[in-house]
N, C-alpha and C. Protein backbone atom coordinates (compact mmCIF):
# COMPACT_ATOMS: atom_id res chain seq x y z
N UNK A 1 86.32 141.25 99.24
CA UNK A 1 85.78 140.34 98.28
C UNK A 1 85.10 139.19 99.03
N UNK A 2 83.89 138.87 98.62
CA UNK A 2 83.14 137.80 99.23
C UNK A 2 83.20 136.56 98.33
N UNK A 3 83.38 135.41 98.97
CA UNK A 3 83.34 134.14 98.25
C UNK A 3 82.08 133.42 98.71
N UNK A 4 81.30 133.00 97.74
CA UNK A 4 80.06 132.33 98.08
C UNK A 4 80.10 130.91 97.54
N UNK A 5 79.84 129.95 98.43
CA UNK A 5 79.78 128.55 98.02
C UNK A 5 78.34 128.08 98.07
N UNK A 6 77.96 127.37 97.09
CA UNK A 6 76.69 126.67 97.16
C UNK A 6 76.91 125.52 98.13
N UNK A 7 75.92 125.16 98.90
CA UNK A 7 76.09 124.11 99.91
C UNK A 7 76.52 122.79 99.28
N UNK A 8 76.00 122.43 98.14
CA UNK A 8 76.39 121.19 97.46
C UNK A 8 77.84 121.23 97.01
N UNK A 9 78.27 122.37 96.49
CA UNK A 9 79.66 122.52 96.04
C UNK A 9 80.61 122.43 97.21
N UNK A 10 80.23 122.99 98.34
CA UNK A 10 81.08 122.94 99.52
C UNK A 10 81.22 121.50 100.02
N UNK A 11 80.13 120.77 100.06
CA UNK A 11 80.18 119.38 100.49
C UNK A 11 81.02 118.56 99.53
N UNK A 12 80.83 118.76 98.23
CA UNK A 12 81.62 118.03 97.24
C UNK A 12 83.10 118.34 97.38
N UNK A 13 83.44 119.60 97.57
CA UNK A 13 84.84 119.99 97.73
C UNK A 13 85.42 119.33 98.97
N UNK A 14 84.70 119.38 100.07
CA UNK A 14 85.17 118.78 101.31
C UNK A 14 85.38 117.28 101.13
N UNK A 15 84.41 116.59 100.52
CA UNK A 15 84.51 115.15 100.32
C UNK A 15 85.69 114.79 99.43
N UNK A 16 85.90 115.56 98.39
CA UNK A 16 87.01 115.29 97.48
C UNK A 16 88.34 115.46 98.21
N UNK A 17 88.47 116.51 98.98
CA UNK A 17 89.71 116.75 99.72
C UNK A 17 89.89 115.71 100.82
N UNK A 18 88.84 115.38 101.52
CA UNK A 18 88.94 114.43 102.62
C UNK A 18 89.28 113.03 102.12
N UNK A 19 88.66 112.60 101.03
CA UNK A 19 88.91 111.25 100.54
C UNK A 19 90.34 111.07 100.07
N UNK A 20 90.95 112.11 99.60
CA UNK A 20 92.34 112.01 99.18
C UNK A 20 93.26 111.80 100.37
N UNK A 21 92.83 112.25 101.53
CA UNK A 21 93.69 112.18 102.70
C UNK A 21 93.19 111.17 103.73
N UNK A 22 92.06 110.53 103.46
CA UNK A 22 91.52 109.62 104.47
C UNK A 22 92.35 108.35 104.54
N UNK A 23 92.50 107.86 105.73
CA UNK A 23 93.26 106.64 105.98
C UNK A 23 92.37 105.72 106.78
N UNK A 24 92.39 104.46 106.42
CA UNK A 24 91.57 103.47 107.13
C UNK A 24 92.00 103.41 108.59
N UNK A 25 91.06 103.37 109.51
CA UNK A 25 91.43 103.26 110.92
C UNK A 25 92.09 101.91 111.20
N UNK A 26 92.91 101.82 112.24
CA UNK A 26 93.58 100.56 112.56
C UNK A 26 92.57 99.43 112.82
N UNK A 27 92.98 98.25 112.44
CA UNK A 27 92.18 97.04 112.65
C UNK A 27 92.68 96.38 113.92
N UNK A 28 91.77 95.87 114.73
CA UNK A 28 92.16 95.18 115.97
C UNK A 28 93.05 93.99 115.63
N UNK A 29 94.05 93.78 116.43
CA UNK A 29 95.00 92.68 116.23
C UNK A 29 94.27 91.33 116.11
N UNK A 30 93.24 91.13 116.92
CA UNK A 30 92.49 89.88 116.90
C UNK A 30 91.83 89.64 115.54
N UNK A 31 91.45 90.72 114.86
CA UNK A 31 90.81 90.60 113.54
C UNK A 31 91.82 90.19 112.46
N UNK A 32 93.11 90.39 112.72
CA UNK A 32 94.14 90.03 111.75
C UNK A 32 94.58 88.58 111.89
N UNK A 33 94.37 88.00 113.06
CA UNK A 33 94.78 86.62 113.31
C UNK A 33 93.99 85.68 112.40
N UNK A 34 94.71 84.73 111.77
CA UNK A 34 94.03 83.75 110.93
C UNK A 34 94.89 83.31 109.76
N UNK A 35 94.27 82.57 108.84
CA UNK A 35 94.95 82.05 107.66
C UNK A 35 94.66 82.94 106.46
N UNK A 36 95.68 83.11 105.62
CA UNK A 36 95.57 83.94 104.43
C UNK A 36 96.06 83.15 103.21
N UNK A 37 95.48 83.47 102.04
CA UNK A 37 95.92 82.89 100.78
C UNK A 37 96.34 84.00 99.84
N UNK A 38 97.20 83.65 98.90
CA UNK A 38 97.70 84.58 97.91
C UNK A 38 96.61 84.85 96.87
N UNK A 39 96.40 86.11 96.53
CA UNK A 39 95.43 86.50 95.51
C UNK A 39 96.10 87.44 94.52
N UNK A 40 95.69 87.31 93.27
CA UNK A 40 96.21 88.18 92.22
C UNK A 40 95.09 88.52 91.26
N UNK A 41 95.08 89.76 90.78
CA UNK A 41 94.10 90.17 89.79
C UNK A 41 94.53 89.81 88.37
N UNK A 42 95.63 89.10 88.23
CA UNK A 42 96.11 88.67 86.92
C UNK A 42 95.05 87.78 86.28
N UNK A 43 94.56 88.14 85.10
CA UNK A 43 93.49 87.36 84.48
C UNK A 43 93.95 86.01 83.93
N UNK A 44 95.24 85.80 83.81
CA UNK A 44 95.75 84.52 83.30
C UNK A 44 95.48 83.41 84.31
N UNK A 45 95.03 82.28 83.83
CA UNK A 45 94.75 81.16 84.71
C UNK A 45 95.90 80.16 84.74
N UNK A 46 97.11 80.63 84.46
CA UNK A 46 98.26 79.73 84.38
C UNK A 46 98.89 79.49 85.75
N UNK A 47 99.66 78.43 85.84
CA UNK A 47 100.39 78.14 87.08
C UNK A 47 101.36 79.27 87.38
N UNK A 48 101.52 79.58 88.66
CA UNK A 48 102.43 80.65 89.05
C UNK A 48 103.38 80.17 90.13
N UNK A 49 104.30 81.05 90.47
CA UNK A 49 105.24 80.80 91.57
C UNK A 49 104.53 80.79 92.93
N UNK A 50 103.24 81.13 92.96
CA UNK A 50 102.55 81.36 94.23
C UNK A 50 101.41 80.38 94.51
N UNK A 51 101.34 79.30 93.78
CA UNK A 51 100.25 78.34 93.93
C UNK A 51 100.12 77.85 95.36
N UNK A 52 101.22 77.64 96.06
CA UNK A 52 101.19 77.08 97.41
C UNK A 52 101.30 78.14 98.51
N UNK A 53 101.32 79.41 98.14
CA UNK A 53 101.50 80.47 99.14
C UNK A 53 100.37 80.48 100.17
N UNK A 54 100.75 80.42 101.43
CA UNK A 54 99.83 80.49 102.56
C UNK A 54 100.53 81.24 103.69
N UNK A 55 99.76 82.04 104.40
CA UNK A 55 100.27 82.80 105.54
C UNK A 55 99.33 82.57 106.71
N UNK A 56 99.89 82.27 107.86
CA UNK A 56 99.09 82.13 109.09
C UNK A 56 99.65 83.10 110.12
N UNK A 57 98.78 84.00 110.59
CA UNK A 57 99.11 84.91 111.69
C UNK A 57 98.47 84.34 112.94
N UNK A 58 99.30 84.01 113.93
CA UNK A 58 98.80 83.39 115.15
C UNK A 58 98.58 84.44 116.24
N UNK A 59 97.67 84.15 117.15
CA UNK A 59 97.33 85.08 118.23
C UNK A 59 98.51 85.36 119.15
N UNK A 60 99.46 84.41 119.24
CA UNK A 60 100.62 84.60 120.12
C UNK A 60 101.72 85.45 119.49
N UNK A 61 101.45 86.01 118.29
CA UNK A 61 102.43 86.89 117.65
C UNK A 61 103.40 86.18 116.73
N UNK A 62 103.19 84.92 116.46
CA UNK A 62 104.05 84.15 115.54
C UNK A 62 103.36 84.07 114.18
N UNK A 63 104.17 83.89 113.14
CA UNK A 63 103.60 83.66 111.81
C UNK A 63 104.30 82.50 111.14
N UNK A 64 103.62 81.93 110.14
CA UNK A 64 104.14 80.84 109.33
C UNK A 64 103.79 81.18 107.89
N UNK A 65 104.80 81.38 107.05
CA UNK A 65 104.60 81.73 105.65
C UNK A 65 105.19 80.63 104.78
N UNK A 66 104.34 80.02 103.97
CA UNK A 66 104.77 79.01 103.00
C UNK A 66 104.62 79.63 101.62
N UNK A 67 105.69 79.54 100.82
CA UNK A 67 105.69 80.11 99.48
C UNK A 67 106.16 79.06 98.49
N UNK A 68 105.71 79.21 97.25
CA UNK A 68 106.18 78.32 96.20
C UNK A 68 105.08 77.94 95.24
N UNK A 69 105.48 77.20 94.23
CA UNK A 69 104.55 76.74 93.21
C UNK A 69 105.27 75.85 92.22
N UNK A 70 104.59 75.46 91.16
CA UNK A 70 105.20 74.56 90.18
C UNK A 70 106.49 75.11 89.57
N UNK A 71 106.63 76.43 89.54
CA UNK A 71 107.82 77.03 88.93
C UNK A 71 108.79 77.61 89.96
N UNK A 72 108.51 77.38 91.25
CA UNK A 72 109.37 77.92 92.32
C UNK A 72 109.41 76.93 93.47
N UNK A 73 110.59 76.64 94.01
CA UNK A 73 110.67 75.67 95.12
C UNK A 73 109.85 76.14 96.33
N UNK A 74 109.32 75.19 97.05
CA UNK A 74 108.55 75.47 98.26
C UNK A 74 109.49 75.86 99.38
N UNK A 75 109.12 76.94 100.11
CA UNK A 75 109.92 77.37 101.24
C UNK A 75 108.99 77.76 102.38
N UNK A 76 109.51 77.70 103.60
CA UNK A 76 108.73 78.06 104.77
C UNK A 76 109.54 79.02 105.64
N UNK A 77 108.88 80.09 106.07
CA UNK A 77 109.49 81.07 106.95
C UNK A 77 108.60 81.22 108.18
N UNK A 78 109.21 81.18 109.36
CA UNK A 78 108.46 81.40 110.60
C UNK A 78 109.13 82.54 111.35
N UNK A 79 108.36 83.22 112.15
CA UNK A 79 108.90 84.34 112.92
C UNK A 79 107.81 85.03 113.69
N UNK A 80 108.13 86.25 114.13
CA UNK A 80 107.18 87.05 114.89
C UNK A 80 106.56 88.11 113.99
N UNK A 81 105.29 88.42 114.23
CA UNK A 81 104.62 89.48 113.48
C UNK A 81 104.12 90.54 114.45
N UNK A 82 104.09 91.77 113.94
CA UNK A 82 103.60 92.91 114.71
C UNK A 82 102.79 93.80 113.77
N UNK A 83 102.19 94.82 114.33
CA UNK A 83 101.55 95.84 113.52
C UNK A 83 102.18 97.18 113.85
N UNK A 84 102.20 98.06 112.86
CA UNK A 84 102.72 99.41 113.05
C UNK A 84 101.79 100.39 112.36
N UNK A 85 101.66 101.59 112.91
CA UNK A 85 100.86 102.60 112.21
C UNK A 85 101.57 103.06 110.94
N UNK A 86 100.79 103.50 109.97
CA UNK A 86 101.35 104.00 108.72
C UNK A 86 100.56 105.22 108.27
N UNK A 87 101.25 106.28 107.94
CA UNK A 87 100.57 107.48 107.45
C UNK A 87 99.86 107.20 106.14
N UNK A 88 100.47 106.41 105.28
CA UNK A 88 99.92 106.16 103.96
C UNK A 88 98.70 105.25 103.99
N UNK A 89 98.75 104.18 104.79
CA UNK A 89 97.67 103.20 104.73
C UNK A 89 96.91 103.02 106.04
N UNK A 90 97.40 103.60 107.11
CA UNK A 90 96.75 103.45 108.40
C UNK A 90 97.42 102.43 109.28
N UNK A 91 97.76 101.25 108.70
CA UNK A 91 98.34 100.18 109.50
C UNK A 91 99.09 99.22 108.58
N UNK A 92 100.18 98.67 109.10
CA UNK A 92 101.00 97.71 108.37
C UNK A 92 101.25 96.51 109.25
N UNK A 93 101.11 95.31 108.68
CA UNK A 93 101.51 94.08 109.36
C UNK A 93 102.96 93.84 108.98
N UNK A 94 103.83 93.66 109.97
CA UNK A 94 105.26 93.48 109.74
C UNK A 94 105.64 92.03 110.04
N UNK A 95 106.21 91.37 109.02
CA UNK A 95 106.74 90.01 109.16
C UNK A 95 108.23 90.10 108.88
N UNK A 96 109.04 89.98 109.91
CA UNK A 96 110.48 90.13 109.71
C UNK A 96 110.78 91.52 109.20
N UNK A 97 111.38 91.61 107.99
CA UNK A 97 111.71 92.91 107.38
C UNK A 97 110.67 93.37 106.37
N UNK A 98 109.61 92.59 106.16
CA UNK A 98 108.59 92.93 105.16
C UNK A 98 107.36 93.54 105.83
N UNK A 99 106.82 94.57 105.20
CA UNK A 99 105.61 95.21 105.70
C UNK A 99 104.49 95.10 104.69
N UNK A 100 103.29 94.79 105.16
CA UNK A 100 102.13 94.62 104.31
C UNK A 100 101.02 95.55 104.80
N UNK A 101 100.69 96.60 104.02
CA UNK A 101 99.60 97.48 104.42
C UNK A 101 98.29 96.69 104.56
N UNK A 102 97.50 97.04 105.56
CA UNK A 102 96.23 96.36 105.82
C UNK A 102 95.12 97.12 105.13
N UNK A 103 94.25 96.38 104.45
CA UNK A 103 93.05 96.98 103.85
C UNK A 103 91.87 96.07 104.16
N UNK A 104 90.81 96.68 104.66
CA UNK A 104 89.58 95.95 104.92
C UNK A 104 88.54 96.45 103.92
N UNK A 105 87.98 95.52 103.15
CA UNK A 105 86.93 95.84 102.18
C UNK A 105 85.74 94.96 102.49
N UNK A 106 84.73 95.54 103.11
CA UNK A 106 83.58 94.75 103.56
C UNK A 106 84.04 93.77 104.63
N UNK A 107 83.84 92.47 104.37
CA UNK A 107 84.29 91.47 105.35
C UNK A 107 85.65 90.89 104.98
N UNK A 108 86.26 91.37 103.90
CA UNK A 108 87.57 90.88 103.48
C UNK A 108 88.69 91.64 104.17
N UNK A 109 89.65 90.90 104.71
CA UNK A 109 90.86 91.49 105.27
C UNK A 109 91.99 91.15 104.31
N UNK A 110 92.68 92.18 103.83
CA UNK A 110 93.77 91.99 102.87
C UNK A 110 95.06 92.57 103.42
N UNK A 111 96.15 91.85 103.16
CA UNK A 111 97.50 92.35 103.43
C UNK A 111 98.11 92.57 102.06
N UNK A 112 98.32 93.83 101.70
CA UNK A 112 98.73 94.18 100.35
C UNK A 112 100.20 93.86 100.10
N UNK A 113 100.44 93.12 99.03
CA UNK A 113 101.81 92.83 98.60
C UNK A 113 102.23 93.90 97.61
N UNK A 114 101.41 94.14 96.59
CA UNK A 114 101.66 95.18 95.59
C UNK A 114 100.31 95.66 95.08
N UNK A 115 99.84 96.76 95.64
CA UNK A 115 98.52 97.29 95.30
C UNK A 115 98.47 97.79 93.86
N UNK A 116 99.59 98.23 93.31
CA UNK A 116 99.61 98.75 91.95
C UNK A 116 99.25 97.69 90.91
N UNK A 117 99.66 96.46 91.14
CA UNK A 117 99.36 95.38 90.19
C UNK A 117 98.31 94.41 90.72
N UNK A 118 97.77 94.66 91.90
CA UNK A 118 96.69 93.85 92.43
C UNK A 118 97.12 92.51 92.97
N UNK A 119 98.06 92.52 93.93
CA UNK A 119 98.52 91.29 94.57
C UNK A 119 98.41 91.47 96.09
N UNK A 120 97.80 90.47 96.77
CA UNK A 120 97.65 90.59 98.20
C UNK A 120 97.46 89.20 98.82
N UNK A 121 97.57 89.15 100.15
CA UNK A 121 97.15 87.99 100.92
C UNK A 121 95.74 88.29 101.42
N UNK A 122 94.83 87.37 101.25
CA UNK A 122 93.45 87.56 101.69
C UNK A 122 93.11 86.56 102.78
N UNK A 123 92.53 87.07 103.85
CA UNK A 123 92.16 86.21 104.98
C UNK A 123 91.05 85.26 104.56
N UNK A 124 91.21 84.00 104.94
CA UNK A 124 90.21 82.97 104.65
C UNK A 124 89.12 83.05 105.71
N UNK A 125 87.88 83.09 105.28
CA UNK A 125 86.76 83.17 106.23
C UNK A 125 86.29 81.82 106.63
């Protein structure tokens, strides 16, 4: 039995299969260094627990995370950060026991907090 693929159908099939399995290549550590702010796709413009959230990844491997807002006390956590490979996302930034998958979209660098609901830290340019 012969199977014949049209060239367009073969390319489409390959692209569909590849995109399901493609993983973003690792980002250079130097590109991750910098200040990040909390972002949410929540359309509500109300005050949140995250108004003051800021994350700084330093070149020496240290981080400073400030969290809080009008409805949550302000707190600060400092420690060491690293990166690890991830099958699912390509790369994860690890702060203590928390891991944040890295996503680069154009010139935006994002550390995903919860991709399902659209919450992340975004690097300030």
